Amino acid sequence: MTGSANAGPAQWLLAEGVTDGNYTARQRTVLGRGGIIELSNESGSIWVGGTSRSVIKGSVSF
């Protein structure tokens, strides 16, 4: 679950008046490997928080 993938829709939902910007997003909970993040609106800025777990490690060279 990525915060950046949820921050954009959060801005849209806030602009459309669907939410005040404070909510919880869940993903893949049926499979038991889901993620949960909290999104909050602080003076028009969306903040994303939650716990994380690394499932792959690597490096990239340019």
C-alpha atoms as a PDB file:
ATOM      1  CA  MET A   1       0.000   0.000   0.000  1.00  0.00           C
ATOM      2  CA  THR A   2       1.477   3.319  -0.973  1.00  0.00           C
ATOM      3  CA  GLY A   3       0.781   6.648   0.615  1.00  0.00           C
ATOM      4  CA  SER A   4       1.508   8.524  -2.594  1.00  0.00           C
ATOM      5  CA  ALA A   5      -1.173   6.534  -4.410  1.00  0.00           C
ATOM      6  CA  ASN A   6      -3.694   7.591  -1.772  1.00  0.00           C
ATOM      7  CA  ALA A   7      -2.659  11.231  -1.329  1.00  0.00           C
ATOM      8  CA  GLY A   8      -3.856  12.264  -4.820  1.00  0.00           C
ATOM      9  CA  PRO A   9      -7.357  10.830  -4.449  1.00  0.00           C
ATOM     10  CA  ALA A  10      -7.505  12.359  -0.960  1.00  0.00           C
ATOM     11  CA  GLN A  11      -6.930  15.821  -2.469  1.00  0.00           C
ATOM     12  CA  TRP A  12      -9.698  15.182  -5.004  1.00  0.00           C
ATOM     13  CA  LEU A  13     -12.145  13.894  -2.353  1.00  0.00           C
ATOM     14  CA  LEU A  14     -11.390  16.970  -0.241  1.00  0.00           C
ATOM     15  CA  ALA A  15     -11.914  19.364  -3.186  1.00  0.00           C
ATOM     16  CA  GLU A  16     -15.229  17.672  -4.076  1.00  0.00           C
ATOM     17  CA  GLY A  17     -16.471  17.894  -0.486  1.00  0.00           C
ATOM     18  CA  VAL A  18     -16.713  14.094  -0.158  1.00  0.00           C
ATOM     19  CA  THR A  19     -14.457  14.128   2.921  1.00  0.00           C
ATOM     20  CA  ASP A  20     -12.924  16.643   5.276  1.00  0.00           C
ATOM     21  CA  GLY A  21      -9.568  14.977   4.502  1.00  0.00           C
ATOM     22  CA  ASN A  22      -9.424  12.822   7.628  1.00  0.00           C
ATOM     23  CA  TYR A  23     -10.048   9.131   7.012  1.00  0.00           C
ATOM     24  CA  THR A  24      -8.575   5.635   7.019  1.00  0.00           C
ATOM     25  CA  ALA A  25      -7.752   3.752   3.825  1.00  0.00           C
ATOM     26  CA  ARG A  26      -7.507  -0.046   3.707  1.00  0.00           C
ATOM     27  CA  GLN A  27      -6.265  -2.327   0.957  1.00  0.00           C
ATOM     28  CA  ARG A  28      -6.129  -6.110   0.377  1.00  0.00           C
ATOM     29  CA  THR A  29      -7.605  -6.966   3.771  1.00  0.00           C
ATOM     30  CA  VAL A  30      -9.401 -10.068   2.418  1.00  0.00           C
ATOM     31  CA  LEU A  31      -6.065 -11.741   1.623  1.00  0.00           C
ATOM     32  CA  GLY A  32      -4.694 -11.035   5.092  1.00  0.00           C
ATOM     33  CA  ARG A  33      -1.793  -9.010   3.686  1.00  0.00           C
ATOM     34  CA  GLY A  34      -3.469  -5.667   3.598  1.00  0.00           C
ATOM     35  CA  GLY A  35      -2.333  -2.260   4.625  1.00  0.00           C
ATOM     36  CA  ILE A  36      -4.002   0.470   6.597  1.00  0.00           C
ATOM     37  CA  ILE A  37      -3.041   4.134   6.426  1.00  0.00           C
ATOM     38  CA  GLU A  38      -4.434   7.260   8.029  1.00  0.00           C
ATOM     39  CA  LEU A  39      -4.910  10.374   5.927  1.00  0.00           C
ATOM     40  CA  SER A  40      -5.361  13.757   7.562  1.00  0.00           C
ATOM     41  CA  ASN A  41      -5.964  17.292   6.364  1.00  0.00           C
ATOM     42  CA  GLU A  42      -3.823  19.912   8.042  1.00  0.00           C
ATOM     43  CA  SER A  43      -4.525  23.398   6.695  1.00  0.00           C
ATOM     44  CA  GLY A  44      -5.202  22.069   3.196  1.00  0.00           C
ATOM     45  CA  SER A  45      -2.174  19.745   3.114  1.00  0.00           C
ATOM     46  CA  ILE A  46      -2.798  16.000   3.069  1.00  0.00           C
ATOM     47  CA  TRP A  47      -0.605  13.981   5.435  1.00  0.00           C
ATOM     48  CA  VAL A  48      -0.288  10.218   5.184  1.00  0.00           C
ATOM     49  CA  GLY A  49       0.751   8.028   8.103  1.00  0.00           C
ATOM     50  CA  GLY A  50       0.792   4.447   9.263  1.00  0.00           C
ATOM     51  CA  THR A  51       3.133   1.579   9.955  1.00  0.00           C
ATOM     52  CA  SER A  52       5.341  -0.004   7.346  1.00  0.00           C
ATOM     53  CA  ARG A  53       7.006  -3.321   6.668  1.00  0.00           C
ATOM     54  CA  SER A  54       9.735  -3.882   4.104  1.00  0.00           C
ATOM     55  CA  VAL A  55       9.052  -6.855   1.862  1.00  0.00           C
ATOM     56  CA  ILE A  56      11.887  -6.364  -0.634  1.00  0.00           C
ATOM     57  CA  LYS A  57      15.272  -4.712  -0.449  1.00  0.00           C
ATOM     58  CA  GLY A  58      17.542  -3.599  -3.257  1.00  0.00           C
ATOM     59  CA  SER A  59      19.398  -0.752  -4.876  1.00  0.00           C
ATOM     60  CA  VAL A  60      19.358   1.133  -8.162  1.00  0.00           C
ATOM     61  CA  SER A  61      22.321   2.721  -9.893  1.00  0.00           C
ATOM     62  CA  PHE A  62      22.082   5.341 -12.608  1.00  0.00           C
END
